[in-house]
């Protein structure tokens, strides 16, 4: 799903609500064993947090393991 048009990026309350909604969708997808969809939503949440709150997000596939 695309998040475009779902929120006003200048309103932190809307952004937080969107993240909360996406987290619920992510957990529901995982509960239904739809792990690919859950991972896509997780990555989307990470990018929203990075863009709007400056939280550094690195996609799990790009992390360096020790």
C-alpha atoms as a PDB file:
ATOM      1  CA  UNK A   1       0.000   0.000   0.000  1.00  0.00           C
ATOM      2  CA  UNK A   2       1.145   3.513  -0.671  1.00  0.00           C
ATOM      3  CA  UNK A   3       0.951   6.146   2.033  1.00  0.00           C
ATOM      4  CA  UNK A   4       0.754   9.073  -0.360  1.00  0.00           C
ATOM      5  CA  UNK A   5      -2.176  11.318   0.395  1.00  0.00           C
ATOM      6  CA  UNK A   6      -2.817   9.701   3.767  1.00  0.00           C
ATOM      7  CA  UNK A   7      -1.295  12.404   5.900  1.00  0.00           C
ATOM      8  CA  UNK A   8      -0.035  15.957   6.090  1.00  0.00           C
ATOM      9  CA  UNK A   9       3.765  15.750   6.537  1.00  0.00           C
ATOM     10  CA  UNK A  10       3.715  19.058   8.402  1.00  0.00           C
ATOM     11  CA  UNK A  11       1.461  17.689  11.163  1.00  0.00           C
ATOM     12  CA  UNK A  12       3.394  15.517  13.661  1.00  0.00           C
ATOM     13  CA  UNK A  13       0.129  14.217  15.147  1.00  0.00           C
ATOM     14  CA  UNK A  14      -0.997  12.899  11.756  1.00  0.00           C
ATOM     15  CA  UNK A  15       2.417  11.345  11.165  1.00  0.00           C
ATOM     16  CA  UNK A  16       2.308   9.602  14.548  1.00  0.00           C
ATOM     17  CA  UNK A  17      -1.209   8.336  13.859  1.00  0.00           C
ATOM     18  CA  UNK A  18      -0.114   7.049  10.435  1.00  0.00           C
ATOM     19  CA  UNK A  19       2.825   5.209  12.010  1.00  0.00           C
ATOM     20  CA  UNK A  20       0.506   3.698  14.608  1.00  0.00           C
ATOM     21  CA  UNK A  21      -1.899   2.551  11.876  1.00  0.00           C
ATOM     22  CA  UNK A  22       0.917   1.060   9.804  1.00  0.00           C
ATOM     23  CA  UNK A  23       2.289  -0.751  12.870  1.00  0.00           C
ATOM     24  CA  UNK A  24      -1.109  -2.367  13.409  1.00  0.00           C
ATOM     25  CA  UNK A  25      -1.173  -3.410   9.730  1.00  0.00           C
ATOM     26  CA  UNK A  26       2.375  -4.780  10.064  1.00  0.00           C
ATOM     27  CA  UNK A  27       1.520  -6.883  13.127  1.00  0.00           C
ATOM     28  CA  UNK A  28      -1.660  -8.154  11.467  1.00  0.00           C
ATOM     29  CA  UNK A  29       0.315  -9.175   8.382  1.00  0.00           C
ATOM     30  CA  UNK A  30       2.852 -10.998  10.553  1.00  0.00           C
ATOM     31  CA  UNK A  31       0.061 -12.663  12.541  1.00  0.00           C
ATOM     32  CA  UNK A  32      -1.347 -13.922   9.221  1.00  0.00           C
ATOM     33  CA  UNK A  33       2.149 -15.225   8.345  1.00  0.00           C
ATOM     34  CA  UNK A  34       2.444 -12.674   5.535  1.00  0.00           C
ATOM     35  CA  UNK A  35       6.014 -11.813   6.435  1.00  0.00           C
ATOM     36  CA  UNK A  36       6.893 -10.163   3.127  1.00  0.00           C
ATOM     37  CA  UNK A  37       4.053  -7.662   3.536  1.00  0.00           C
ATOM     38  CA  UNK A  38       5.001  -7.111   7.187  1.00  0.00           C
ATOM     39  CA  UNK A  39       8.590  -6.381   6.138  1.00  0.00           C
ATOM     40  CA  UNK A  40       7.453  -3.893   3.483  1.00  0.00           C
ATOM     41  CA  UNK A  41       5.321  -2.066   6.034  1.00  0.00           C
ATOM     42  CA  UNK A  42       8.215  -2.131   8.543  1.00  0.00           C
ATOM     43  CA  UNK A  43      10.495  -0.534   5.972  1.00  0.00           C
ATOM     44  CA  UNK A  44       7.849   2.074   5.140  1.00  0.00           C
ATOM     45  CA  UNK A  45       7.528   2.949   8.835  1.00  0.00           C
ATOM     46  CA  UNK A  46      11.303   3.272   9.089  1.00  0.00           C
ATOM     47  CA  UNK A  47      11.464   5.627   6.127  1.00  0.00           C
ATOM     48  CA  UNK A  48       8.642   7.776   7.510  1.00  0.00           C
ATOM     49  CA  UNK A  49      10.435   8.033  10.860  1.00  0.00           C
ATOM     50  CA  UNK A  50      13.724   8.865   9.163  1.00  0.00           C
ATOM     51  CA  UNK A  51      12.220  11.534   6.910  1.00  0.00           C
ATOM     52  CA  UNK A  52       9.972  13.182   9.484  1.00  0.00           C
ATOM     53  CA  UNK A  53      11.807  12.723  12.774  1.00  0.00           C
ATOM     54  CA  UNK A  54      15.425  12.330  11.700  1.00  0.00           C
ATOM     55  CA  UNK A  55      15.614   8.802  13.100  1.00  0.00           C
ATOM     56  CA  UNK A  56      18.330   6.962  11.187  1.00  0.00           C
ATOM     57  CA  UNK A  57      16.824   3.921   9.486  1.00  0.00           C
ATOM     58  CA  UNK A  58      18.851   1.251   7.746  1.00  0.00           C
ATOM     59  CA  UNK A  59      16.937  -1.438   5.903  1.00  0.00           C
ATOM     60  CA  UNK A  60      17.682  -4.818   7.492  1.00  0.00           C
ATOM     61  CA  UNK A  61      19.074  -6.172   4.217  1.00  0.00           C
ATOM     62  CA  UNK A  62      21.677  -3.397   4.218  1.00  0.00           C
ATOM     63  CA  UNK A  63      22.852  -3.856   7.823  1.00  0.00           C
ATOM     64  CA  UNK A  64      26.321  -5.213   8.396  1.00  0.00           C
ATOM     65  CA  UNK A  65      26.330  -8.226  10.672  1.00  0.00           C
ATOM     66  CA  UNK A  66      29.217  -8.874  13.026  1.00  0.00           C
END
